[in-house]
Amino acid sequence: TFPAALMAEEITTPGTGQLRTLFVSAGNPVLSVPNGRALVEALPGLDL
């Protein structure tokens, strides 16, 4: 696993390997990861 703090930037940063499809199980990273605001802003950019 990689640091969850990187998720928002992985979604919003273009390029090879950009995070486009995300599954979340038994978790609420908007609260449990630093700077949940950035993740809230990034999530709508996912394809799925």
ModelCIF file with pLDDT and N, C-alpha, C, O atoms, coordinates in Angstrom:
data_MODEL
#
_entry.id   MODEL 
#
_entity.id                         1 
_entity.type                       polymer 
_entity.pdbx_number_of_molecules   1 
#
_entity_poly.entity_id                      1 
_entity_poly.type                           'polypeptide(L)' 
_entity_poly.nstd_linkage                   no 
_entity_poly.nstd_monomer                   no 
_entity_poly.pdbx_seq_one_letter_code       TFPAALMAEEITTPGTGQLRTLFVSAGNPVLSVPNGRALVEALPGLDL 
_entity_poly.pdbx_seq_one_letter_code_can   TFPAALMAEEITTPGTGQLRTLFVSAGNPVLSVPNGRALVEALPGLDL 
_entity_poly.pdbx_strand_id                 A 
#
loop_
_entity_poly_seq.entity_id 
_entity_poly_seq.num 
_entity_poly_seq.mon_id 
_entity_poly_seq.hetero 
1 1  THR n 
1 2  PHE n 
1 3  PRO n 
1 4  ALA n 
1 5  ALA n 
1 6  LEU n 
1 7  MET n 
1 8  ALA n 
1 9  GLU n 
1 10 GLU n 
1 11 ILE n 
1 12 THR n 
1 13 THR n 
1 14 PRO n 
1 15 GLY n 
1 16 THR n 
1 17 GLY n 
1 18 GLN n 
1 19 LEU n 
1 20 ARG n 
1 21 THR n 
1 22 LEU n 
1 23 PHE n 
1 24 VAL n 
1 25 SER n 
1 26 ALA n 
1 27 GLY n 
1 28 ASN n 
1 29 PRO n 
1 30 VAL n 
1 31 LEU n 
1 32 SER n 
1 33 VAL n 
1 34 PRO n 
1 35 ASN n 
1 36 GLY n 
1 37 ARG n 
1 38 ALA n 
1 39 LEU n 
1 40 VAL n 
1 41 GLU n 
1 42 ALA n 
1 43 LEU n 
1 44 PRO n 
1 45 GLY n 
1 46 LEU n 
1 47 ASP n 
1 48 LEU n 
#
_struct_asym.id          A 
_struct_asym.entity_id   1 
#
loop_
_ma_qa_metric.id 
_ma_qa_metric.mode 
_ma_qa_metric.name 
_ma_qa_metric.software_group_id 
_ma_qa_metric.type 
1 global pLDDT . pLDDT 
2 local  pLDDT . pLDDT 
#
_ma_qa_metric_global.metric_id      1 
_ma_qa_metric_global.metric_value   96.65 
_ma_qa_metric_global.model_id       1 
_ma_qa_metric_global.ordinal_id     1 
#
loop_
_ma_qa_metric_local.label_asym_id 
_ma_qa_metric_local.label_comp_id 
_ma_qa_metric_local.label_seq_id 
_ma_qa_metric_local.metric_id 
_ma_qa_metric_local.metric_value 
_ma_qa_metric_local.model_id 
_ma_qa_metric_local.ordinal_id 
A THR 1  2 97.00 1 1  
A PHE 2  2 98.00 1 2  
A PRO 3  2 98.00 1 3  
A ALA 4  2 98.00 1 4  
A ALA 5  2 97.00 1 5  
A LEU 6  2 98.00 1 6  
A MET 7  2 98.00 1 7  
A ALA 8  2 98.00 1 8  
A GLU 9  2 98.00 1 9  
A GLU 10 2 98.00 1 10 
A ILE 11 2 98.00 1 11 
A THR 12 2 98.00 1 12 
A THR 13 2 98.00 1 13 
A PRO 14 2 97.00 1 14 
A GLY 15 2 96.00 1 15 
A THR 16 2 95.00 1 16 
A GLY 17 2 96.00 1 17 
A GLN 18 2 97.00 1 18 
A LEU 19 2 98.00 1 19 
A ARG 20 2 98.00 1 20 
A THR 21 2 98.00 1 21 
A LEU 22 2 98.00 1 22 
A PHE 23 2 98.00 1 23 
A VAL 24 2 98.00 1 24 
A SER 25 2 98.00 1 25 
A ALA 26 2 96.00 1 26 
A GLY 27 2 95.00 1 27 
A ASN 28 2 94.00 1 28 
A PRO 29 2 96.00 1 29 
A VAL 30 2 95.00 1 30 
A LEU 31 2 92.00 1 31 
A SER 32 2 92.00 1 32 
A VAL 33 2 95.00 1 33 
A PRO 34 2 95.00 1 34 
A ASN 35 2 92.00 1 35 
A GLY 36 2 94.00 1 36 
A ARG 37 2 94.00 1 37 
A ALA 38 2 96.00 1 38 
A LEU 39 2 97.00 1 39 
A VAL 40 2 96.00 1 40 
A GLU 41 2 97.00 1 41 
A ALA 42 2 98.00 1 42 
A LEU 43 2 98.00 1 43 
A PRO 44 2 97.00 1 44 
A GLY 45 2 97.00 1 45 
A LEU 46 2 98.00 1 46 
A ASP 47 2 98.00 1 47 
A LEU 48 2 98.00 1 48 
#
loop_
_atom_site.group_PDB 
_atom_site.id 
_atom_site.type_symbol 
_atom_site.label_atom_id 
_atom_site.label_alt_id 
_atom_site.label_comp_id 
_atom_site.label_asym_id 
_atom_site.label_entity_id 
_atom_site.label_seq_id 
_atom_site.pdbx_PDB_ins_code 
_atom_site.Cartn_x 
_atom_site.Cartn_y 
_atom_site.Cartn_z 
_atom_site.occupancy 
_atom_site.B_iso_or_equiv 
_atom_site.pdbx_formal_charge 
_atom_site.auth_seq_id 
_atom_site.auth_comp_id 
_atom_site.auth_asym_id 
_atom_site.auth_atom_id 
_atom_site.pdbx_PDB_model_num 
ATOM 1   N N  . THR A 1 1  ? 0.834   -1.202 0.000   1.00 97.00 ? 1  THR A N  1 
ATOM 2   C CA . THR A 1 1  ? 0.000   0.000  0.000   1.00 97.00 ? 1  THR A CA 1 
ATOM 3   C C  . THR A 1 1  ? 0.870   1.254  0.000   1.00 97.00 ? 1  THR A C  1 
ATOM 4   O O  . THR A 1 1  ? 1.994   1.253  0.502   1.00 97.00 ? 1  THR A O  1 
ATOM 5   N N  . PHE A 1 2  ? 0.319   2.327  -0.579  1.00 98.00 ? 2  PHE A N  1 
ATOM 6   C CA . PHE A 1 2  ? 0.979   3.622  -0.590  1.00 98.00 ? 2  PHE A CA 1 
ATOM 7   C C  . PHE A 1 2  ? 0.308   4.567  0.408   1.00 98.00 ? 2  PHE A C  1 
ATOM 8   O O  . PHE A 1 2  ? -0.792  4.280  0.880   1.00 98.00 ? 2  PHE A O  1 
ATOM 9   N N  . PRO A 1 3  ? 0.956   5.692  0.736   1.00 98.00 ? 3  PRO A N  1 
ATOM 10  C CA . PRO A 1 3  ? 0.370   6.629  1.699   1.00 98.00 ? 3  PRO A CA 1 
ATOM 11  C C  . PRO A 1 3  ? -0.974  7.169  1.219   1.00 98.00 ? 3  PRO A C  1 
ATOM 12  O O  . PRO A 1 3  ? -1.088  7.678  0.104   1.00 98.00 ? 3  PRO A O  1 
ATOM 13  N N  . ALA A 1 4  ? -1.984  7.051  2.070   1.00 98.00 ? 4  ALA A N  1 
ATOM 14  C CA . ALA A 1 4  ? -3.323  7.525  1.696   1.00 98.00 ? 4  ALA A CA 1 
ATOM 15  C C  . ALA A 1 4  ? -3.364  9.037  1.539   1.00 98.00 ? 4  ALA A C  1 
ATOM 16  O O  . ALA A 1 4  ? -4.247  9.566  0.863   1.00 98.00 ? 4  ALA A O  1 
ATOM 17  N N  . ALA A 1 5  ? -2.425  9.733  2.151   1.00 97.00 ? 5  ALA A N  1 
ATOM 18  C CA . ALA A 1 5  ? -2.386  11.189 2.015   1.00 97.00 ? 5  ALA A CA 1 
ATOM 19  C C  . ALA A 1 5  ? -2.155  11.630 0.578   1.00 97.00 ? 5  ALA A C  1 
ATOM 20  O O  . ALA A 1 5  ? -2.386  12.796 0.255   1.00 97.00 ? 5  ALA A O  1 
ATOM 21  N N  . LEU A 1 6  ? -1.706  10.732 -0.294  1.00 98.00 ? 6  LEU A N  1 
ATOM 22  C CA . LEU A 1 6  ? -1.423  11.078 -1.687  1.00 98.00 ? 6  LEU A CA 1 
ATOM 23  C C  . LEU A 1 6  ? -2.644  10.942 -2.592  1.00 98.00 ? 6  LEU A C  1 
ATOM 24  O O  . LEU A 1 6  ? -2.589  11.347 -3.754  1.00 98.00 ? 6  LEU A O  1 
ATOM 25  N N  . MET A 1 7  ? -3.736  10.385 -2.093  1.00 98.00 ? 7  MET A N  1 
ATOM 26  C CA . MET A 1 7  ? -4.853  10.020 -2.964  1.00 98.00 ? 7  MET A CA 1 
ATOM 27  C C  . MET A 1 7  ? -5.387  11.189 -3.782  1.00 98.00 ? 7  MET A C  1 
ATOM 28  O O  . MET A 1 7  ? -5.579  11.067 -4.992  1.00 98.00 ? 7  MET A O  1 
ATOM 29  N N  . ALA A 1 8  ? -5.627  12.318 -3.127  1.00 98.00 ? 8  ALA A N  1 
ATOM 30  C CA . ALA A 1 8  ? -6.213  13.453 -3.841  1.00 98.00 ? 8  ALA A CA 1 
ATOM 31  C C  . ALA A 1 8  ? -5.322  13.891 -4.993  1.00 98.00 ? 8  ALA A C  1 
ATOM 32  O O  . ALA A 1 8  ? -5.803  14.131 -6.100  1.00 98.00 ? 8  ALA A O  1 
ATOM 33  N N  . GLU A 1 9  ? -4.028  13.995 -4.732  1.00 98.00 ? 9  GLU A N  1 
ATOM 34  C CA . GLU A 1 9  ? -3.109  14.441 -5.780  1.00 98.00 ? 9  GLU A CA 1 
ATOM 35  C C  . GLU A 1 9  ? -2.961  13.391 -6.879  1.00 98.00 ? 9  GLU A C  1 
ATOM 36  O O  . GLU A 1 9  ? -2.755  13.735 -8.043  1.00 98.00 ? 9  GLU A O  1 
ATOM 37  N N  . GLU A 1 10 ? -3.065  12.110 -6.515  1.00 98.00 ? 10 GLU A N  1 
ATOM 38  C CA . GLU A 1 10 ? -3.014  11.058 -7.533  1.00 98.00 ? 10 GLU A CA 1 
ATOM 39  C C  . GLU A 1 10 ? -4.223  11.135 -8.461  1.00 98.00 ? 10 GLU A C  1 
ATOM 40  O O  . GLU A 1 10 ? -4.122  10.788 -9.638  1.00 98.00 ? 10 GLU A O  1 
ATOM 41  N N  . ILE A 1 11 ? -5.354  11.581 -7.948  1.00 98.00 ? 11 ILE A N  1 
ATOM 42  C CA . ILE A 1 11 ? -6.557  11.726 -8.776  1.00 98.00 ? 11 ILE A CA 1 
ATOM 43  C C  . ILE A 1 11 ? -6.450  12.937 -9.696  1.00 98.00 ? 11 ILE A C  1 
ATOM 44  O O  . ILE A 1 11 ? -6.877  12.881 -10.849 1.00 98.00 ? 11 ILE A O  1 
ATOM 45  N N  . THR A 1 12 ? -5.888  14.022 -9.196  1.00 98.00 ? 12 THR A N  1 
ATOM 46  C CA . THR A 1 12 ? -5.919  15.284 -9.939  1.00 98.00 ? 12 THR A CA 1 
ATOM 47  C C  . THR A 1 12 ? -4.697  15.516 -10.824 1.00 98.00 ? 12 THR A C  1 
ATOM 48  O O  . THR A 1 12 ? -4.713  16.423 -11.656 1.00 98.00 ? 12 THR A O  1 
ATOM 49  N N  . THR A 1 13 ? -3.639  14.720 -10.666 1.00 98.00 ? 13 THR A N  1 
ATOM 50  C CA . THR A 1 13 ? -2.420  14.939 -11.442 1.00 98.00 ? 13 THR A CA 1 
ATOM 51  C C  . THR A 1 13 ? -2.447  14.101 -12.713 1.00 98.00 ? 13 THR A C  1 
ATOM 52  O O  . THR A 1 13 ? -2.418  12.874 -12.627 1.00 98.00 ? 13 THR A O  1 
ATOM 53  N N  . PRO A 1 14 ? -2.502  14.721 -13.892 1.00 97.00 ? 14 PRO A N  1 
ATOM 54  C CA . PRO A 1 14 ? -2.555  13.956 -15.156 1.00 97.00 ? 14 PRO A CA 1 
ATOM 55  C C  . PRO A 1 14 ? -1.264  13.196 -15.402 1.00 97.00 ? 14 PRO A C  1 
ATOM 56  O O  . PRO A 1 14 ? -0.225  13.474 -14.801 1.00 97.00 ? 14 PRO A O  1 
ATOM 57  N N  . GLY A 1 15 ? -1.360  12.235 -16.296 1.00 96.00 ? 15 GLY A N  1 
ATOM 58  C CA . GLY A 1 15 ? -0.178  11.482 -16.700 1.00 96.00 ? 15 GLY A CA 1 
ATOM 59  C C  . GLY A 1 15 ? -0.392  9.992  -16.586 1.00 96.00 ? 15 GLY A C  1 
ATOM 60  O O  . GLY A 1 15 ? -1.440  9.538  -16.126 1.00 96.00 ? 15 GLY A O  1 
ATOM 61  N N  . THR A 1 16 ? 0.594   9.240  -17.003 1.00 95.00 ? 16 THR A N  1 
ATOM 62  C CA . THR A 1 16 ? 0.530   7.785  -16.921 1.00 95.00 ? 16 THR A CA 1 
ATOM 63  C C  . THR A 1 16 ? 0.353   7.351  -15.470 1.00 95.00 ? 16 THR A C  1 
ATOM 64  O O  . THR A 1 16 ? 1.084   7.793  -14.584 1.00 95.00 ? 16 THR A O  1 
ATOM 65  N N  . GLY A 1 17 ? -0.621  6.485  -15.242 1.00 96.00 ? 17 GLY A N  1 
ATOM 66  C CA . GLY A 1 17 ? -0.874  6.009  -13.889 1.00 96.00 ? 17 GLY A CA 1 
ATOM 67  C C  . GLY A 1 17 ? -1.783  6.890  -13.081 1.00 96.00 ? 17 GLY A C  1 
ATOM 68  O O  . GLY A 1 17 ? -1.934  6.669  -11.879 1.00 96.00 ? 17 GLY A O  1 
ATOM 69  N N  . GLN A 1 18 ? -2.407  7.903  -13.702 1.00 97.00 ? 18 GLN A N  1 
ATOM 70  C CA . GLN A 1 18 ? -3.346  8.746  -12.961 1.00 97.00 ? 18 GLN A CA 1 
ATOM 71  C C  . GLN A 1 18 ? -4.488  7.890  -12.431 1.00 97.00 ? 18 GLN A C  1 
ATOM 72  O O  . GLN A 1 18 ? -5.021  7.042  -13.146 1.00 97.00 ? 18 GLN A O  1 
ATOM 73  N N  . LEU A 1 19 ? -4.859  8.116  -11.180 1.00 98.00 ? 19 LEU A N  1 
ATOM 74  C CA . LEU A 1 19 ? -5.935  7.355  -10.546 1.00 98.00 ? 19 LEU A CA 1 
ATOM 75  C C  . LEU A 1 19 ? -7.282  7.787  -11.119 1.00 98.00 ? 19 LEU A C  1 
ATOM 76  O O  . LEU A 1 19 ? -7.695  8.935  -10.953 1.00 98.00 ? 19 LEU A O  1 
ATOM 77  N N  . ARG A 1 20 ? -7.972  6.852  -11.803 1.00 98.00 ? 20 ARG A N  1 
ATOM 78  C CA . ARG A 1 20 ? -9.232  7.170  -12.472 1.00 98.00 ? 20 ARG A CA 1 
ATOM 79  C C  . ARG A 1 20 ? -10.407 6.351  -11.953 1.00 98.00 ? 20 ARG A C  1 
ATOM 80  O O  . ARG A 1 20 ? -11.555 6.784  -12.060 1.00 98.00 ? 20 ARG A O  1 
ATOM 81  N N  . THR A 1 21 ? -10.138 5.179  -11.396 1.00 98.00 ? 21 THR A N  1 
ATOM 82  C CA . THR A 1 21 ? -11.187 4.297  -10.880 1.00 98.00 ? 21 THR A CA 1 
ATOM 83  C C  . THR A 1 21 ? -10.836 3.945  -9.447  1.00 98.00 ? 21 THR A C  1 
ATOM 84  O O  . THR A 1 21 ? -9.738  3.459  -9.179  1.00 98.00 ? 21 THR A O  1 
ATOM 85  N N  . LEU A 1 22 ? -11.758 4.184  -8.523  1.00 98.00 ? 22 LEU A N  1 
ATOM 86  C CA . LEU A 1 22 ? -11.450 4.000  -7.106  1.00 98.00 ? 22 LEU A CA 1 
ATOM 87  C C  . LEU A 1 22 ? -12.544 3.200  -6.415  1.00 98.00 ? 22 LEU A C  1 
ATOM 88  O O  . LEU A 1 22 ? -13.735 3.456  -6.592  1.00 98.00 ? 22 LEU A O  1 
ATOM 89  N N  . PHE A 1 23 ? -12.107 2.216  -5.617  1.00 98.00 ? 23 PHE A N  1 
ATOM 90  C CA . PHE A 1 23 ? -12.979 1.482  -4.712  1.00 98.00 ? 23 PHE A CA 1 
ATOM 91  C C  . PHE A 1 23 ? -12.563 1.827  -3.279  1.00 98.00 ? 23 PHE A C  1 
ATOM 92  O O  . PHE A 1 23 ? -11.373 1.911  -2.975  1.00 98.00 ? 23 PHE A O  1 
ATOM 93  N N  . VAL A 1 24 ? -13.535 2.023  -2.417  1.00 98.00 ? 24 VAL A N  1 
ATOM 94  C CA . VAL A 1 24 ? -13.274 2.273  -0.999  1.00 98.00 ? 24 VAL A CA 1 
ATOM 95  C C  . VAL A 1 24 ? -14.105 1.287  -0.203  1.00 98.00 ? 24 VAL A C  1 
ATOM 96  O O  . VAL A 1 24 ? -15.325 1.235  -0.359  1.00 98.00 ? 24 VAL A O  1 
ATOM 97  N N  . SER A 1 25 ? -13.456 0.502  0.653   1.00 98.00 ? 25 SER A N  1 
ATOM 98  C CA . SER A 1 25 ? -14.190 -0.460 1.476   1.00 98.00 ? 25 SER A CA 1 
ATOM 99  C C  . SER A 1 25 ? -13.898 -0.219 2.953   1.00 98.00 ? 25 SER A C  1 
ATOM 100 O O  . SER A 1 25 ? -12.748 -0.060 3.362   1.00 98.00 ? 25 SER A O  1 
ATOM 101 N N  . ALA A 1 26 ? -14.972 -0.195 3.741   1.00 96.00 ? 26 ALA A N  1 
ATOM 102 C CA . ALA A 1 26 ? -14.866 -0.065 5.200   1.00 96.00 ? 26 ALA A CA 1 
ATOM 103 C C  . ALA A 1 26 ? -14.001 1.124  5.599   1.00 96.00 ? 26 ALA A C  1 
ATOM 104 O O  . ALA A 1 26 ? -13.217 1.035  6.544   1.00 96.00 ? 26 ALA A O  1 
ATOM 105 N N  . GLY A 1 27 ? -14.140 2.221  4.890   1.00 95.00 ? 27 GLY A N  1 
ATOM 106 C CA . GLY A 1 27 ? -13.303 3.368  5.191   1.00 95.00 ? 27 GLY A CA 1 
ATOM 107 C C  . GLY A 1 27 ? -13.994 4.682  4.883   1.00 95.00 ? 27 GLY A C  1 
ATOM 108 O O  . GLY A 1 27 ? -14.957 4.739  4.119   1.00 95.00 ? 27 GLY A O  1 
ATOM 109 N N  . ASN A 1 28 ? -13.473 5.744  5.502   1.00 94.00 ? 28 ASN A N  1 
ATOM 110 C CA . ASN A 1 28 ? -14.000 7.090  5.326   1.00 94.00 ? 28 ASN A CA 1 
ATOM 111 C C  . ASN A 1 28 ? -12.816 8.056  5.236   1.00 94.00 ? 28 ASN A C  1 
ATOM 112 O O  . ASN A 1 28 ? -12.632 8.887  6.125   1.00 94.00 ? 28 ASN A O  1 
ATOM 113 N N  . PRO A 1 29 ? -12.008 7.957  4.166   1.00 96.00 ? 29 PRO A N  1 
ATOM 114 C CA . PRO A 1 29 ? -10.759 8.723  4.116   1.00 96.00 ? 29 PRO A CA 1 
ATOM 115 C C  . PRO A 1 29 ? -10.949 10.231 4.126   1.00 96.00 ? 29 PRO A C  1 
ATOM 116 O O  . PRO A 1 29 ? -10.007 10.950 4.462   1.00 96.00 ? 29 PRO A O  1 
ATOM 117 N N  . VAL A 1 30 ? -12.115 10.742 3.776   1.00 95.00 ? 30 VAL A N  1 
ATOM 118 C CA . VAL A 1 30 ? -12.331 12.187 3.866   1.00 95.00 ? 30 VAL A CA 1 
ATOM 119 C C  . VAL A 1 30 ? -12.130 12.663 5.302   1.00 95.00 ? 30 VAL A C  1 
ATOM 120 O O  . VAL A 1 30 ? -11.699 13.793 5.532   1.00 95.00 ? 30 VAL A O  1 
ATOM 121 N N  . LEU A 1 31 ? -12.447 11.786 6.278   1.00 92.00 ? 31 LEU A N  1 
ATOM 122 C CA . LEU A 1 31 ? -12.211 12.143 7.677   1.00 92.00 ? 31 LEU A CA 1 
ATOM 123 C C  . LEU A 1 31 ? -10.877 11.622 8.199   1.00 92.00 ? 31 LEU A C  1 
ATOM 124 O O  . LEU A 1 31 ? -10.235 12.291 9.009   1.00 92.00 ? 31 LEU A O  1 
ATOM 125 N N  . SER A 1 32 ? -10.447 10.445 7.752   1.00 92.00 ? 32 SER A N  1 
ATOM 126 C CA . SER A 1 32 ? -9.297  9.814  8.389   1.00 92.00 ? 32 SER A CA 1 
ATOM 127 C C  . SER A 1 32 ? -7.963  10.168 7.754   1.00 92.00 ? 32 SER A C  1 
ATOM 128 O O  . SER A 1 32 ? -6.915  9.864  8.324   1.00 92.00 ? 32 SER A O  1 
ATOM 129 N N  . VAL A 1 33 ? -7.975  10.799 6.595   1.00 95.00 ? 33 VAL A N  1 
ATOM 130 C CA . VAL A 1 33 ? -6.742  11.188 5.910   1.00 95.00 ? 33 VAL A CA 1 
ATOM 131 C C  . VAL A 1 33 ? -6.566  12.700 6.063   1.00 95.00 ? 33 VAL A C  1 
ATOM 132 O O  . VAL A 1 33 ? -7.557  13.430 6.020   1.00 95.00 ? 33 VAL A O  1 
ATOM 133 N N  . PRO A 1 34 ? -5.345  13.190 6.239   1.00 95.00 ? 34 PRO A N  1 
ATOM 134 C CA . PRO A 1 34 ? -5.154  14.638 6.323   1.00 95.00 ? 34 PRO A CA 1 
ATOM 135 C C  . PRO A 1 34 ? -5.756  15.375 5.128   1.00 95.00 ? 34 PRO A C  1 
ATOM 136 O O  . PRO A 1 34 ? -5.773  14.865 4.008   1.00 95.00 ? 34 PRO A O  1 
ATOM 137 N N  . ASN A 1 35 ? -6.245  16.578 5.392   1.00 92.00 ? 35 ASN A N  1 
ATOM 138 C CA . ASN A 1 35 ? -6.760  17.484 4.356   1.00 92.00 ? 35 ASN A CA 1 
ATOM 139 C C  . ASN A 1 35 ? -7.871  16.829 3.547   1.00 92.00 ? 35 ASN A C  1 
ATOM 140 O O  . ASN A 1 35 ? -7.774  16.710 2.326   1.00 92.00 ? 35 ASN A O  1 
ATOM 141 N N  . GLY A 1 36 ? -8.925  16.406 4.237   1.00 94.00 ? 36 GLY A N  1 
ATOM 142 C CA . GLY A 1 36 ? -10.059 15.790 3.565   1.00 94.00 ? 36 GLY A CA 1 
ATOM 143 C C  . GLY A 1 36 ? -10.725 16.700 2.550   1.00 94.00 ? 36 GLY A C  1 
ATOM 144 O O  . GLY A 1 36 ? -11.384 16.221 1.627   1.00 94.00 ? 36 GLY A O  1 
ATOM 145 N N  . ARG A 1 37 ? -10.560 17.999 2.707   1.00 94.00 ? 37 ARG A N  1 
ATOM 146 C CA . ARG A 1 37 ? -11.166 18.938 1.746   1.00 94.00 ? 37 ARG A CA 1 
ATOM 147 C C  . ARG A 1 37 ? -10.625 18.700 0.342   1.00 94.00 ? 37 ARG A C  1 
ATOM 148 O O  . ARG A 1 37 ? -11.370 18.736 -0.638  1.00 94.00 ? 37 ARG A O  1 
ATOM 149 N N  . ALA A 1 38 ? -9.320  18.457 0.258   1.00 96.00 ? 38 ALA A N  1 
ATOM 150 C CA . ALA A 1 38 ? -8.717  18.218 -1.057  1.00 96.00 ? 38 ALA A CA 1 
ATOM 151 C C  . ALA A 1 38 ? -9.271  16.943 -1.679  1.00 96.00 ? 38 ALA A C  1 
ATOM 152 O O  . ALA A 1 38 ? -9.469  16.882 -2.893  1.00 96.00 ? 38 ALA A O  1 
ATOM 153 N N  . LEU A 1 39 ? -9.521  15.933 -0.869  1.00 97.00 ? 39 LEU A N  1 
ATOM 154 C CA . LEU A 1 39 ? -10.067 14.686 -1.396  1.00 97.00 ? 39 LEU A CA 1 
ATOM 155 C C  . LEU A 1 39 ? -11.504 14.880 -1.863  1.00 97.00 ? 39 LEU A C  1 
ATOM 156 O O  . LEU A 1 39 ? -11.896 14.343 -2.899  1.00 97.00 ? 39 LEU A O  1 
ATOM 157 N N  . VAL A 1 40 ? -12.284 15.634 -1.116  1.00 96.00 ? 40 VAL A N  1 
ATOM 158 C CA . VAL A 1 40 ? -13.662 15.929 -1.537  1.00 96.00 ? 40 VAL A CA 1 
ATOM 159 C C  . VAL A 1 40 ? -13.669 16.625 -2.892  1.00 96.00 ? 40 VAL A C  1 
ATOM 160 O O  . VAL A 1 40 ? -14.506 16.328 -3.744  1.00 96.00 ? 40 VAL A O  1 
ATOM 161 N N  . GLU A 1 41 ? -12.743 17.545 -3.085  1.00 97.00 ? 41 GLU A N  1 
ATOM 162 C CA . GLU A 1 41 ? -12.671 18.260 -4.363  1.00 97.00 ? 41 GLU A CA 1 
ATOM 163 C C  . GLU A 1 41 ? -12.198 17.356 -5.493  1.00 97.00 ? 41 GLU A C  1 
ATOM 164 O O  . GLU A 1 41 ? -12.551 17.574 -6.652  1.00 97.00 ? 41 GLU A O  1 
ATOM 165 N N  . ALA A 1 42 ? -11.392 16.331 -5.160  1.00 98.00 ? 42 ALA A N  1 
ATOM 166 C CA . ALA A 1 42 ? -10.826 15.466 -6.200  1.00 98.00 ? 42 ALA A CA 1 
ATOM 167 C C  . ALA A 1 42 ? -11.776 14.354 -6.625  1.00 98.00 ? 42 ALA A C  1 
ATOM 168 O O  . ALA A 1 42 ? -11.769 13.966 -7.793  1.00 98.00 ? 42 ALA A O  1 
ATOM 169 N N  . LEU A 1 43 ? -12.593 13.831 -5.716  1.00 98.00 ? 43 LEU A N  1 
ATOM 170 C CA . LEU A 1 43 ? -13.402 12.647 -6.004  1.00 98.00 ? 43 LEU A CA 1 
ATOM 171 C C  . LEU A 1 43 ? -14.312 12.786 -7.226  1.00 98.00 ? 43 LEU A C  1 
ATOM 172 O O  . LEU A 1 43 ? -14.454 11.817 -7.972  1.00 98.00 ? 43 LEU A O  1 
ATOM 173 N N  . PRO A 1 44 ? -14.937 13.947 -7.467  1.00 97.00 ? 44 PRO A N  1 
ATOM 174 C CA . PRO A 1 44 ? -15.788 14.047 -8.661  1.00 97.00 ? 44 PRO A CA 1 
ATOM 175 C C  . PRO A 1 44 ? -15.036 13.859 -9.977  1.00 97.00 ? 44 PRO A C  1 
ATOM 176 O O  . PRO A 1 44 ? -15.669 13.628 -11.007 1.00 97.00 ? 44 PRO A O  1 
ATOM 177 N N  . GLY A 1 45 ? -13.716 13.949 -9.974  1.00 97.00 ? 45 GLY A N  1 
ATOM 178 C CA . GLY A 1 45 ? -12.948 13.774 -11.199 1.00 97.00 ? 45 GLY A CA 1 
ATOM 179 C C  . GLY A 1 45 ? -12.718 12.324 -11.585 1.00 97.00 ? 45 GLY A C  1 
ATOM 180 O O  . GLY A 1 45 ? -12.162 12.056 -12.650 1.00 97.00 ? 45 GLY A O  1 
ATOM 181 N N  . LEU A 1 46 ? -13.137 11.372 -10.740 1.00 98.00 ? 46 LEU A N  1 
ATOM 182 C CA . LEU A 1 46 ? -12.964 9.957  -11.049 1.00 98.00 ? 46 LEU A CA 1 
ATOM 183 C C  . LEU A 1 46 ? -13.931 9.513  -12.139 1.00 98.00 ? 46 LEU A C  1 
ATOM 184 O O  . LEU A 1 46 ? -15.037 10.041 -12.255 1.00 98.00 ? 46 LEU A O  1 
ATOM 185 N N  . ASP A 1 47 ? -13.504 8.541  -12.934 1.00 98.00 ? 47 ASP A N  1 
ATOM 186 C CA . ASP A 1 47 ? -14.400 7.939  -13.924 1.00 98.00 ? 47 ASP A CA 1 
ATOM 187 C C  . ASP A 1 47 ? -15.388 6.986  -13.263 1.00 98.00 ? 47 ASP A C  1 
ATOM 188 O O  . ASP A 1 47 ? -16.524 6.847  -13.717 1.00 98.00 ? 47 ASP A O  1 
ATOM 189 N N  . LEU A 1 48 ? -14.954 6.331  -12.194 1.00 98.00 ? 48 LEU A N  1 
ATOM 190 C CA . LEU A 1 48 ? -15.804 5.389  -11.469 1.00 98.00 ? 48 LEU A CA 1 
ATOM 191 C C  . LEU A 1 48 ? -15.371 5.383  -10.014 1.00 98.00 ? 48 LEU A C  1 
ATOM 192 O O  . LEU A 1 48 ? -15.946 4.659  -9.202  1.00 98.00 ? 48 LEU A O  1 
#
